[in-house]
Amino acid sequence: MKTSAVCVLGAGLIGGSVLRAATDAGYEAWGYNRSEAGVRAARADGFDVDGDIAAVLRRAAAADALIVIGVPMPALDSILSDIKEFAPGCPLTDVISVKAPVAAAVHRHELGAHYVGGHPMAGTSESGWAASTSDLFRDAAWAVGVDPGTQVEPWSRVARLALDCGAVVVPVIAAEHDRAVARISHLPHVLAEALAVTGAGGGDLALGLAAGSFRDGTRVAATAPDLVRAICEPNSAALLEALDDALRLLTDARDRLAADHTLGPLIDAGYSERDRYDTLRRWDITDIRPGDHNWLERLREAGQRGGVIRVL
């Protein structure tokens, strides 16, 4: 039996997929989208999406719905203002790719008491309602915040939604989440852009010869530029650290190649770490319950060690 209702604000790739997956899982689910074309497309597919934010949020307040913010970071303050006006008592989460700036904005709008940060680690290079699917989160990791002060009831509702959408829950605090995704999500966007530009510098011959390694390495460079900026730039401090590490590795490889025509230890180290990624095994967190003594810190520590929640 599903818990209450779900109201999704923003019916793009991620928000739209949450709406589809929640509906398939049996939730009463509806949403808001700013674009009238997006509203029409969602309605044509049989989903309850409206362009009237006030009406959508009044309905959420009446139903005590879990509100899921799925808008890009630049639109966050406006959406939070609307939530504060029309549905300030609803449990609140988000699917935005950076957590600390979102949490700061939520607290500025005095909505922190019911907030739990969230970030499903899934997506494609496409965007908009048409790209959304109900199975986008199948077996994906869904980060769910366990920051100090997080309340049991909204946390449990967010975690259940993630599980019902087919994901596994990774408990994590905002700052550690942002440092991690800078390296495995945001840095790959930057490197893909650089590889696309460098490859194209070889002209049509180079692009005509390009095959799997270029295609796979530049896949996320096909993401709309404004969306990439909205994903990466709010995490600038952590992304700078990751970029500095990558540049040190590349500079060392460049210097060794110039000096003795070898790439040094980078190739072996890269192979080893990729193998570590391929063979990493998640383990199930089964002995910590929301509300237990020190449950937030215990979940944080378990998440740091690769633990996930599959059943709540």
C-alpha atoms as a PDB file:
ATOM      1  CA  MET A   1       0.000   0.000   0.000  1.00  0.00           C
ATOM      2  CA  LYS A   2       1.487   3.326  -1.074  1.00  0.00           C
ATOM      3  CA  THR A   3       1.924   6.245   1.295  1.00  0.00           C
ATOM      4  CA  SER A   4      -0.317   9.208   0.514  1.00  0.00           C
ATOM      5  CA  ALA A   5       0.091  11.154  -2.705  1.00  0.00           C
ATOM      6  CA  VAL A   6       2.918  12.588  -4.787  1.00  0.00           C
ATOM      7  CA  CYS A   7       3.044  16.007  -6.447  1.00  0.00           C
ATOM      8  CA  VAL A   8       5.880  16.509  -8.941  1.00  0.00           C
ATOM      9  CA  LEU A   9       6.908  20.047  -9.856  1.00  0.00           C
ATOM     10  CA  GLY A  10       8.643  19.943 -13.218  1.00  0.00           C
ATOM     11  CA  ALA A  11       7.759  17.244 -15.748  1.00  0.00           C
ATOM     12  CA  GLY A  12      11.047  17.001 -17.618  1.00  0.00           C
ATOM     13  CA  LEU A  13      13.239  13.915 -17.950  1.00  0.00           C
ATOM     14  CA  ILE A  14      13.681  13.230 -14.221  1.00  0.00           C
ATOM     15  CA  GLY A  15      10.498  14.760 -12.825  1.00  0.00           C
ATOM     16  CA  GLY A  16       8.442  13.224 -15.615  1.00  0.00           C
ATOM     17  CA  SER A  17      10.002   9.825 -14.941  1.00  0.00           C
ATOM     18  CA  VAL A  18       9.173  10.160 -11.228  1.00  0.00           C
ATOM     19  CA  LEU A  19       5.569  10.963 -12.154  1.00  0.00           C
ATOM     20  CA  ARG A  20       5.364   7.981 -14.496  1.00  0.00           C
ATOM     21  CA  ALA A  21       7.027   5.575 -12.054  1.00  0.00           C
ATOM     22  CA  ALA A  22       4.957   6.732  -9.080  1.00  0.00           C
ATOM     23  CA  THR A  23       1.760   6.357 -11.093  1.00  0.00           C
ATOM     24  CA  ASP A  24       2.778   2.861 -12.193  1.00  0.00           C
ATOM     25  CA  ALA A  25       3.535   1.991  -8.552  1.00  0.00           C
ATOM     26  CA  GLY A  26       0.007   2.923  -7.511  1.00  0.00           C
ATOM     27  CA  TYR A  27       0.431   6.383  -6.056  1.00  0.00           C
ATOM     28  CA  GLU A  28      -2.085   9.142  -6.600  1.00  0.00           C
ATOM     29  CA  ALA A  29       0.273  11.365  -8.555  1.00  0.00           C
ATOM     30  CA  TRP A  30      -0.027  14.655 -10.398  1.00  0.00           C
ATOM     31  CA  GLY A  31       2.326  17.386 -11.490  1.00  0.00           C
ATOM     32  CA  TYR A  32       3.103  20.884 -12.650  1.00  0.00           C
ATOM     33  CA  ASN A  33       5.038  22.016 -15.699  1.00  0.00           C
ATOM     34  CA  ARG A  34       5.812  25.581 -16.734  1.00  0.00           C
ATOM     35  CA  SER A  35       5.846  24.808 -20.454  1.00  0.00           C
ATOM     36  CA  GLU A  36       2.392  24.574 -21.994  1.00  0.00           C
ATOM     37  CA  ALA A  37       3.795  22.231 -24.633  1.00  0.00           C
ATOM     38  CA  GLY A  38       5.041  19.960 -21.848  1.00  0.00           C
ATOM     39  CA  VAL A  39       1.641  20.055 -20.158  1.00  0.00           C
ATOM     40  CA  ARG A  40      -0.085  19.080 -23.411  1.00  0.00           C
ATOM     41  CA  ALA A  41       2.370  16.262 -24.060  1.00  0.00           C
ATOM     42  CA  ALA A  42       1.936  14.799 -20.567  1.00  0.00           C
ATOM     43  CA  ARG A  43      -1.845  15.043 -20.772  1.00  0.00           C
ATOM     44  CA  ALA A  44      -1.822  13.404 -24.180  1.00  0.00           C
ATOM     45  CA  ASP A  45      -0.060  10.446 -22.535  1.00  0.00           C
ATOM     46  CA  GLY A  46      -2.778  10.279 -19.888  1.00  0.00           C
ATOM     47  CA  PHE A  47      -0.997  11.975 -16.986  1.00  0.00           C
ATOM     48  CA  ASP A  48      -2.421  14.607 -14.641  1.00  0.00           C
ATOM     49  CA  VAL A  49      -0.203  17.633 -15.294  1.00  0.00           C
ATOM     50  CA  ASP A  50      -1.230  21.289 -15.016  1.00  0.00           C
ATOM     51  CA  GLY A  51       0.382  24.634 -15.740  1.00  0.00           C
ATOM     52  CA  ASP A  52      -1.307  26.393 -12.787  1.00  0.00           C
ATOM     53  CA  ILE A  53       1.208  26.173  -9.937  1.00  0.00           C
ATOM     54  CA  ALA A  54      -1.198  27.584  -7.342  1.00  0.00           C
ATOM     55  CA  ALA A  55      -3.876  25.017  -8.133  1.00  0.00           C
ATOM     56  CA  VAL A  56      -1.361  22.162  -8.156  1.00  0.00           C
ATOM     57  CA  LEU A  57       0.066  23.145  -4.769  1.00  0.00           C
ATOM     58  CA  ARG A  58      -3.312  23.780  -3.154  1.00  0.00           C
ATOM     59  CA  ARG A  59      -4.215  20.235  -4.142  1.00  0.00           C
ATOM     60  CA  ALA A  60      -0.940  19.019  -2.599  1.00  0.00           C
ATOM     61  CA  ALA A  61      -1.685  20.847   0.642  1.00  0.00           C
ATOM     62  CA  ALA A  62      -5.186  19.353   0.828  1.00  0.00           C
ATOM     63  CA  ALA A  63      -3.833  15.827   0.270  1.00  0.00           C
ATOM     64  CA  ASP A  64      -0.673  16.193   2.409  1.00  0.00           C
ATOM     65  CA  ALA A  65       1.200  15.072  -0.696  1.00  0.00           C
ATOM     66  CA  LEU A  66       4.926  14.515  -0.860  1.00  0.00           C
ATOM     67  CA  ILE A  67       6.161  17.352  -3.089  1.00  0.00           C
ATOM     68  CA  VAL A  68       9.004  16.439  -5.439  1.00  0.00           C
ATOM     69  CA  ILE A  69      10.885  19.401  -6.925  1.00  0.00           C
ATOM     70  CA  GLY A  70      12.108  18.512 -10.411  1.00  0.00           C
ATOM     71  CA  VAL A  71      12.937  21.938 -11.838  1.00  0.00           C
ATOM     72  CA  PRO A  72      16.459  23.097 -12.795  1.00  0.00           C
ATOM     73  CA  MET A  73      18.464  24.920 -10.147  1.00  0.00           C
ATOM     74  CA  PRO A  74      17.878  28.401 -11.663  1.00  0.00           C
ATOM     75  CA  ALA A  75      14.111  27.974 -11.157  1.00  0.00           C
ATOM     76  CA  LEU A  76      14.382  26.717  -7.567  1.00  0.00           C
ATOM     77  CA  ASP A  77      13.802  29.955  -5.661  1.00  0.00           C
ATOM     78  CA  SER A  78      10.632  30.720  -7.575  1.00  0.00           C
ATOM     79  CA  ILE A  79       9.235  27.242  -6.941  1.00  0.00           C
ATOM     80  CA  LEU A  80      10.121  27.410  -3.237  1.00  0.00           C
ATOM     81  CA  SER A  81       8.335  30.753  -2.958  1.00  0.00           C
ATOM     82  CA  ASP A  82       5.225  29.133  -4.394  1.00  0.00           C
ATOM     83  CA  ILE A  83       5.490  26.166  -2.031  1.00  0.00           C
ATOM     84  CA  LYS A  84       5.865  28.473   0.956  1.00  0.00           C
ATOM     85  CA  GLU A  85       2.733  30.355  -0.083  1.00  0.00           C
ATOM     86  CA  PHE A  86       0.463  27.459  -1.014  1.00  0.00           C
ATOM     87  CA  ALA A  87       1.754  24.241   0.636  1.00  0.00           C
ATOM     88  CA  PRO A  88       4.264  25.037   3.404  1.00  0.00           C
ATOM     89  CA  GLY A  89       3.333  22.040   5.549  1.00  0.00           C
ATOM     90  CA  CYS A  90       3.856  19.325   2.946  1.00  0.00           C
ATOM     91  CA  PRO A  91       6.809  16.938   3.119  1.00  0.00           C
ATOM     92  CA  LEU A  92       9.333  18.063   0.546  1.00  0.00           C
ATOM     93  CA  THR A  93      12.111  16.498  -1.502  1.00  0.00           C
ATOM     94  CA  ASP A  94      13.881  17.167  -4.798  1.00  0.00           C
ATOM     95  CA  VAL A  95      15.683  15.402  -7.635  1.00  0.00           C
ATOM     96  CA  ILE A  96      18.213  18.161  -8.364  1.00  0.00           C
ATOM     97  CA  SER A  97      21.795  17.050  -8.971  1.00  0.00           C
ATOM     98  CA  VAL A  98      23.404  19.106  -6.207  1.00  0.00           C
ATOM     99  CA  LYS A  99      22.290  18.995  -2.584  1.00  0.00           C
ATOM    100  CA  ALA A 100      23.946  21.610  -0.355  1.00  0.00           C
ATOM    101  CA  PRO A 101      22.774  24.647  -2.412  1.00  0.00           C
ATOM    102  CA  VAL A 102      19.251  23.201  -2.574  1.00  0.00           C
ATOM    103  CA  ALA A 103      19.171  22.645   1.188  1.00  0.00           C
ATOM    104  CA  ALA A 104      20.402  26.204   1.761  1.00  0.00           C
ATOM    105  CA  ALA A 105      17.636  27.585  -0.457  1.00  0.00           C
ATOM    106  CA  VAL A 106      15.003  25.446   1.260  1.00  0.00           C
ATOM    107  CA  HIS A 107      16.062  26.795   4.649  1.00  0.00           C
ATOM    108  CA  ARG A 108      16.085  30.388   3.367  1.00  0.00           C
ATOM    109  CA  HIS A 109      12.443  29.893   2.477  1.00  0.00           C
ATOM    110  CA  GLU A 110      11.761  28.413   5.932  1.00  0.00           C
ATOM    111  CA  LEU A 111      10.755  25.022   4.557  1.00  0.00           C
ATOM    112  CA  GLY A 112      13.520  22.949   6.124  1.00  0.00           C
ATOM    113  CA  ALA A 113      11.461  21.223   8.809  1.00  0.00           C
ATOM    114  CA  HIS A 114       9.832  18.846   6.307  1.00  0.00           C
ATOM    115  CA  TYR A 115      12.660  18.623   3.730  1.00  0.00           C
ATOM    116  CA  VAL A 116      14.717  15.587   2.734  1.00  0.00           C
ATOM    117  CA  GLY A 117      17.202  15.938  -0.102  1.00  0.00           C
ATOM    118  CA  GLY A 118      17.092  13.424  -2.929  1.00  0.00           C
ATOM    119  CA  HIS A 119      18.957  12.673  -6.146  1.00  0.00           C
ATOM    120  CA  PRO A 120      18.310   9.656  -8.372  1.00  0.00           C
ATOM    121  CA  MET A 121      21.504   8.757 -10.207  1.00  0.00           C
ATOM    122  CA  ALA A 122      19.902   8.149 -13.581  1.00  0.00           C
ATOM    123  CA  GLY A 123      19.388  10.073 -16.783  1.00  0.00           C
ATOM    124  CA  THR A 124      20.066  10.344 -20.476  1.00  0.00           C
ATOM    125  CA  SER A 125      21.451  13.009 -22.794  1.00  0.00           C
ATOM    126  CA  GLU A 126      17.873  13.847 -23.801  1.00  0.00           C
ATOM    127  CA  SER A 127      15.498  16.110 -21.904  1.00  0.00           C
ATOM    128  CA  GLY A 128      11.817  16.966 -21.584  1.00  0.00           C
ATOM    129  CA  TRP A 129       8.660  14.956 -21.024  1.00  0.00           C
ATOM    130  CA  ALA A 130       9.148  12.934 -24.200  1.00  0.00           C
ATOM    131  CA  ALA A 131      12.418  11.541 -22.812  1.00  0.00           C
ATOM    132  CA  SER A 132      10.875  10.407 -19.509  1.00  0.00           C
ATOM    133  CA  THR A 133      10.176   6.725 -18.819  1.00  0.00           C
ATOM    134  CA  SER A 134       8.687   4.811 -15.912  1.00  0.00           C
ATOM    135  CA  ASP A 135      11.701   2.479 -15.711  1.00  0.00           C
ATOM    136  CA  LEU A 136      14.442   5.126 -15.692  1.00  0.00           C
ATOM    137  CA  PHE A 137      15.270   4.409 -12.042  1.00  0.00           C
ATOM    138  CA  ARG A 138      15.228   0.625 -12.201  1.00  0.00           C
ATOM    139  CA  ASP A 139      18.170  -0.592 -10.021  1.00  0.00           C
ATOM    140  CA  ALA A 140      19.588   2.949  -9.938  1.00  0.00           C
ATOM    141  CA  ALA A 141      21.100   4.487  -6.824  1.00  0.00           C
ATOM    142  CA  TRP A 142      18.857   7.178  -5.332  1.00  0.00           C
ATOM    143  CA  ALA A 143      20.653   9.407  -2.824  1.00  0.00           C
ATOM    144  CA  VAL A 144      18.436  10.279   0.147  1.00  0.00           C
ATOM    145  CA  GLY A 145      19.670  12.822   2.672  1.00  0.00           C
ATOM    146  CA  VAL A 146      20.468  11.914   6.271  1.00  0.00           C
ATOM    147  CA  ASP A 147      21.683  15.339   7.328  1.00  0.00           C
ATOM    148  CA  PRO A 148      21.374  16.309  11.015  1.00  0.00           C
ATOM    149  CA  GLY A 149      17.841  17.367  11.880  1.00  0.00           C
ATOM    150  CA  THR A 150      16.158  15.201   9.234  1.00  0.00           C
ATOM    151  CA  GLN A 151      12.785  14.003  10.492  1.00  0.00           C
ATOM    152  CA  VAL A 152      11.666  10.374  10.412  1.00  0.00           C
ATOM    153  CA  GLU A 153       8.281  10.783   8.730  1.00  0.00           C
ATOM    154  CA  PRO A 154       9.310  12.763   5.632  1.00  0.00           C
ATOM    155  CA  TRP A 155      12.508  10.709   5.306  1.00  0.00           C
ATOM    156  CA  SER A 156      10.529   7.492   5.273  1.00  0.00           C
ATOM    157  CA  ARG A 157       8.148   8.829   2.628  1.00  0.00           C
ATOM    158  CA  VAL A 158      10.996   9.901   0.374  1.00  0.00           C
ATOM    159  CA  ALA A 159      12.820   6.598   0.787  1.00  0.00           C
ATOM    160  CA  ARG A 160       9.643   4.613   0.055  1.00  0.00           C
ATOM    161  CA  LEU A 161       9.024   6.620  -3.094  1.00  0.00           C
ATOM    162  CA  ALA A 162      12.558   5.904  -4.300  1.00  0.00           C
ATOM    163  CA  LEU A 163      12.130   2.194  -3.617  1.00  0.00           C
ATOM    164  CA  ASP A 164       8.709   2.105  -5.273  1.00  0.00           C
ATOM    165  CA  CYS A 165      10.228   3.764  -8.356  1.00  0.00           C
ATOM    166  CA  GLY A 166      12.592   0.783  -8.608  1.00  0.00           C
ATOM    167  CA  ALA A 167      15.738   2.359  -7.163  1.00  0.00           C
ATOM    168  CA  VAL A 168      17.909   1.457  -4.184  1.00  0.00           C
ATOM    169  CA  VAL A 169      18.398   4.089  -1.484  1.00  0.00           C
ATOM    170  CA  VAL A 170      21.873   5.405  -0.708  1.00  0.00           C
ATOM    171  CA  PRO A 171      21.895   7.404   2.552  1.00  0.00           C
ATOM    172  CA  VAL A 172      24.240  10.394   2.360  1.00  0.00           C
ATOM    173  CA  ILE A 173      24.662  13.905   3.731  1.00  0.00           C
ATOM    174  CA  ALA A 174      24.562  16.867   1.375  1.00  0.00           C
ATOM    175  CA  ALA A 175      28.219  17.915   1.443  1.00  0.00           C
ATOM    176  CA  GLU A 176      29.509  14.384   0.844  1.00  0.00           C
ATOM    177  CA  HIS A 177      26.988  13.844  -1.931  1.00  0.00           C
ATOM    178  CA  ASP A 178      28.146  16.985  -3.716  1.00  0.00           C
ATOM    179  CA  ARG A 179      31.821  16.056  -3.485  1.00  0.00           C
ATOM    180  CA  ALA A 180      31.068  12.577  -4.825  1.00  0.00           C
ATOM    181  CA  VAL A 181      28.882  13.609  -7.761  1.00  0.00           C
ATOM    182  CA  ALA A 182      31.398  16.274  -8.766  1.00  0.00           C
ATOM    183  CA  ARG A 183      33.741  13.405  -9.611  1.00  0.00           C
ATOM    184  CA  ILE A 184      31.408  10.818 -11.127  1.00  0.00           C
ATOM    185  CA  SER A 185      28.744  13.004 -12.754  1.00  0.00           C
ATOM    186  CA  HIS A 186      29.753  16.645 -13.162  1.00  0.00           C
ATOM    187  CA  LEU A 187      33.407  16.121 -14.132  1.00  0.00           C
ATOM    188  CA  PRO A 188      32.408  13.618 -16.861  1.00  0.00           C
ATOM    189  CA  HIS A 189      30.248  16.342 -18.411  1.00  0.00           C
ATOM    190  CA  VAL A 190      33.208  18.719 -18.542  1.00  0.00           C
ATOM    191  CA  LEU A 191      35.564  16.053 -19.897  1.00  0.00           C
ATOM    192  CA  ALA A 192      33.020  15.005 -22.530  1.00  0.00           C
ATOM    193  CA  GLU A 193      32.724  18.589 -23.740  1.00  0.00           C
ATOM    194  CA  ALA A 194      36.508  18.912 -23.910  1.00  0.00           C
ATOM    195  CA  LEU A 195      36.843  15.621 -25.776  1.00  0.00           C
ATOM    196  CA  ALA A 196      34.127  16.634 -28.263  1.00  0.00           C
ATOM    197  CA  VAL A 197      35.886  19.927 -29.015  1.00  0.00           C
ATOM    198  CA  THR A 198      39.332  18.321 -29.209  1.00  0.00           C
ATOM    199  CA  GLY A 199      38.129  15.531 -31.475  1.00  0.00           C
ATOM    200  CA  ALA A 200      36.342  17.943 -33.799  1.00  0.00           C
ATOM    201  CA  GLY A 201      39.589  19.873 -34.008  1.00  0.00           C
ATOM    202  CA  GLY A 202      40.807  17.104 -36.275  1.00  0.00           C
ATOM    203  CA  GLY A 203      38.225  18.118 -38.864  1.00  0.00           C
ATOM    204  CA  ASP A 204      35.790  16.008 -40.811  1.00  0.00           C
ATOM    205  CA  LEU A 205      38.387  13.273 -41.313  1.00  0.00           C
ATOM    206  CA  ALA A 206      38.706  12.754 -37.561  1.00  0.00           C
ATOM    207  CA  LEU A 207      34.958  12.809 -37.027  1.00  0.00           C
ATOM    208  CA  GLY A 208      34.465  10.444 -39.954  1.00  0.00           C
ATOM    209  CA  LEU A 209      36.885   7.961 -38.397  1.00  0.00           C
ATOM    210  CA  ALA A 210      35.430   8.286 -34.890  1.00  0.00           C
ATOM    211  CA  ALA A 211      33.868   5.137 -33.482  1.00  0.00           C
ATOM    212  CA  GLY A 212      32.972   3.656 -30.092  1.00  0.00           C
ATOM    213  CA  SER A 213      35.502   5.282 -27.784  1.00  0.00           C
ATOM    214  CA  PHE A 214      34.732   8.782 -29.088  1.00  0.00           C
ATOM    215  CA  ARG A 215      30.995   8.130 -29.129  1.00  0.00           C
ATOM    216  CA  ASP A 216      30.925   6.778 -25.562  1.00  0.00           C
ATOM    217  CA  GLY A 217      33.327   9.379 -24.231  1.00  0.00           C
ATOM    218  CA  THR A 218      31.256  12.259 -25.613  1.00  0.00           C
ATOM    219  CA  ARG A 219      27.751  10.864 -24.992  1.00  0.00           C
ATOM    220  CA  VAL A 220      26.780  13.396 -22.329  1.00  0.00           C
ATOM    221  CA  ALA A 221      28.110  16.253 -24.466  1.00  0.00           C
ATOM    222  CA  ALA A 222      24.848  15.814 -26.385  1.00  0.00           C
ATOM    223  CA  THR A 223      22.983  17.179 -23.342  1.00  0.00           C
ATOM    224  CA  ALA A 224      21.495  20.649 -23.832  1.00  0.00           C
ATOM    225  CA  PRO A 225      24.150  23.229 -22.812  1.00  0.00           C
ATOM    226  CA  ASP A 226      21.835  25.174 -20.490  1.00  0.00           C
ATOM    227  CA  LEU A 227      21.008  21.967 -18.653  1.00  0.00           C
ATOM    228  CA  VAL A 228      24.699  21.076 -18.261  1.00  0.00           C
ATOM    229  CA  ARG A 229      25.367  24.508 -16.791  1.00  0.00           C
ATOM    230  CA  ALA A 230      22.419  24.140 -14.406  1.00  0.00           C
ATOM    231  CA  ILE A 231      23.733  20.738 -13.316  1.00  0.00           C
ATOM    232  CA  CYS A 232      27.412  21.541 -12.907  1.00  0.00           C
ATOM    233  CA  GLU A 233      27.851  25.202 -12.023  1.00  0.00           C
ATOM    234  CA  PRO A 234      26.013  25.179  -8.653  1.00  0.00           C
ATOM    235  CA  ASN A 235      28.590  22.599  -7.501  1.00  0.00           C
ATOM    236  CA  SER A 236      31.553  24.748  -8.503  1.00  0.00           C
ATOM    237  CA  ALA A 237      33.730  24.287  -5.395  1.00  0.00           C
ATOM    238  CA  ALA A 238      33.617  20.492  -5.490  1.00  0.00           C
ATOM    239  CA  LEU A 239      33.931  20.459  -9.276  1.00  0.00           C
ATOM    240  CA  LEU A 240      37.054  22.633  -9.081  1.00  0.00           C
ATOM    241  CA  GLU A 241      38.689  20.078  -6.772  1.00  0.00           C
ATOM    242  CA  ALA A 242      37.832  17.264  -9.168  1.00  0.00           C
ATOM    243  CA  LEU A 243      39.072  19.235 -12.167  1.00  0.00           C
ATOM    244  CA  ASP A 244      42.351  20.002 -10.391  1.00  0.00           C
ATOM    245  CA  ASP A 245      42.889  16.278  -9.759  1.00  0.00           C
ATOM    246  CA  ALA A 246      42.100  15.430 -13.376  1.00  0.00           C
ATOM    247  CA  LEU A 247      44.401  18.158 -14.674  1.00  0.00           C
ATOM    248  CA  ARG A 248      47.262  16.911 -12.489  1.00  0.00           C
ATOM    249  CA  LEU A 249      46.844  13.423 -13.934  1.00  0.00           C
ATOM    250  CA  LEU A 250      46.655  14.718 -17.509  1.00  0.00           C
ATOM    251  CA  THR A 251      49.601  17.067 -17.039  1.00  0.00           C
ATOM    252  CA  ASP A 252      51.742  14.259 -15.666  1.00  0.00           C
ATOM    253  CA  ALA A 253      50.789  12.018 -18.603  1.00  0.00           C
ATOM    254  CA  ARG A 254      51.506  14.862 -21.043  1.00  0.00           C
ATOM    255  CA  ASP A 255      54.923  15.552 -19.482  1.00  0.00           C
ATOM    256  CA  ARG A 256      55.910  11.873 -19.537  1.00  0.00           C
ATOM    257  CA  LEU A 257      54.768  11.531 -23.138  1.00  0.00           C
ATOM    258  CA  ALA A 258      56.898  14.509 -24.104  1.00  0.00           C
ATOM    259  CA  ALA A 259      59.908  13.266 -22.162  1.00  0.00           C
ATOM    260  CA  ASP A 260      60.043   9.562 -23.026  1.00  0.00           C
ATOM    261  CA  HIS A 261      57.027   8.803 -25.250  1.00  0.00           C
ATOM    262  CA  THR A 262      55.177   6.900 -22.507  1.00  0.00           C
ATOM    263  CA  LEU A 263      51.970   7.740 -20.656  1.00  0.00           C
ATOM    264  CA  GLY A 264      53.378   6.770 -17.277  1.00  0.00           C
ATOM    265  CA  PRO A 265      51.215   5.197 -14.563  1.00  0.00           C
ATOM    266  CA  LEU A 266      47.918   6.762 -15.686  1.00  0.00           C
ATOM    267  CA  ILE A 267      46.921   3.889 -17.968  1.00  0.00           C
ATOM    268  CA  ASP A 268      47.494   1.159 -15.384  1.00  0.00           C
ATOM    269  CA  ALA A 269      45.825   3.200 -12.645  1.00  0.00           C
ATOM    270  CA  GLY A 270      42.826   3.941 -14.831  1.00  0.00           C
ATOM    271  CA  TYR A 271      42.422   0.281 -15.746  1.00  0.00           C
ATOM    272  CA  SER A 272      42.614  -0.712 -12.093  1.00  0.00           C
ATOM    273  CA  GLU A 273      40.055   1.838 -10.911  1.00  0.00           C
ATOM    274  CA  ARG A 274      37.643   0.999 -13.711  1.00  0.00           C
ATOM    275  CA  ASP A 275      37.899  -2.651 -12.687  1.00  0.00           C
ATOM    276  CA  ARG A 276      37.191  -1.587  -9.101  1.00  0.00           C
ATOM    277  CA  TYR A 277      34.026   0.159 -10.306  1.00  0.00           C
ATOM    278  CA  ASP A 278      32.941  -2.869 -12.360  1.00  0.00           C
ATOM    279  CA  THR A 279      33.419  -5.274  -9.444  1.00  0.00           C
ATOM    280  CA  LEU A 280      32.138  -3.092  -6.591  1.00  0.00           C
ATOM    281  CA  ARG A 281      29.274  -4.832  -4.831  1.00  0.00           C
ATOM    282  CA  ARG A 282      26.561  -3.025  -2.916  1.00  0.00           C
ATOM    283  CA  TRP A 283      25.556  -4.553   0.393  1.00  0.00           C
ATOM    284  CA  ASP A 284      22.160  -4.287   2.052  1.00  0.00           C
ATOM    285  CA  ILE A 285      21.564  -2.170   5.133  1.00  0.00           C
ATOM    286  CA  THR A 286      19.147  -4.272   7.187  1.00  0.00           C
ATOM    287  CA  ASP A 287      19.840  -3.421  10.844  1.00  0.00           C
ATOM    288  CA  ILE A 288      19.045   0.327  10.991  1.00  0.00           C
ATOM    289  CA  ARG A 289      15.506   1.622  11.203  1.00  0.00           C
ATOM    290  CA  PRO A 290      14.394   5.240  10.856  1.00  0.00           C
ATOM    291  CA  GLY A 291      13.958   6.642  14.345  1.00  0.00           C
ATOM    292  CA  ASP A 292      16.432   4.258  15.989  1.00  0.00           C
ATOM    293  CA  HIS A 293      19.010   5.803  18.308  1.00  0.00           C
ATOM    294  CA  ASN A 294      21.575   7.723  16.226  1.00  0.00           C
ATOM    295  CA  TRP A 295      19.895   6.441  13.052  1.00  0.00           C
ATOM    296  CA  LEU A 296      20.986   9.330  10.821  1.00  0.00           C
ATOM    297  CA  GLU A 297      24.682   8.997  11.625  1.00  0.00           C
ATOM    298  CA  ARG A 298      24.542   5.211  11.410  1.00  0.00           C
ATOM    299  CA  LEU A 299      22.903   5.395   7.979  1.00  0.00           C
ATOM    300  CA  ARG A 300      25.472   7.957   6.864  1.00  0.00           C
ATOM    301  CA  GLU A 301      28.327   5.669   7.888  1.00  0.00           C
ATOM    302  CA  ALA A 302      26.714   2.690   6.177  1.00  0.00           C
ATOM    303  CA  GLY A 303      26.252   4.676   2.977  1.00  0.00           C
ATOM    304  CA  GLN A 304      29.905   5.711   3.049  1.00  0.00           C
ATOM    305  CA  ARG A 305      30.853   2.027   3.099  1.00  0.00           C
ATOM    306  CA  GLY A 306      28.713   1.151   0.083  1.00  0.00           C
ATOM    307  CA  GLY A 307      25.532   0.139   1.879  1.00  0.00           C
ATOM    308  CA  VAL A 308      22.116   0.532   0.278  1.00  0.00           C
ATOM    309  CA  ILE A 309      18.518   0.128   1.413  1.00  0.00           C
ATOM    310  CA  ARG A 310      16.320  -2.146  -0.680  1.00  0.00           C
ATOM    311  CA  VAL A 311      13.435  -2.650   1.762  1.00  0.00           C
ATOM    312  CA  LEU A 312      11.981  -0.221   4.271  1.00  0.00           C
END
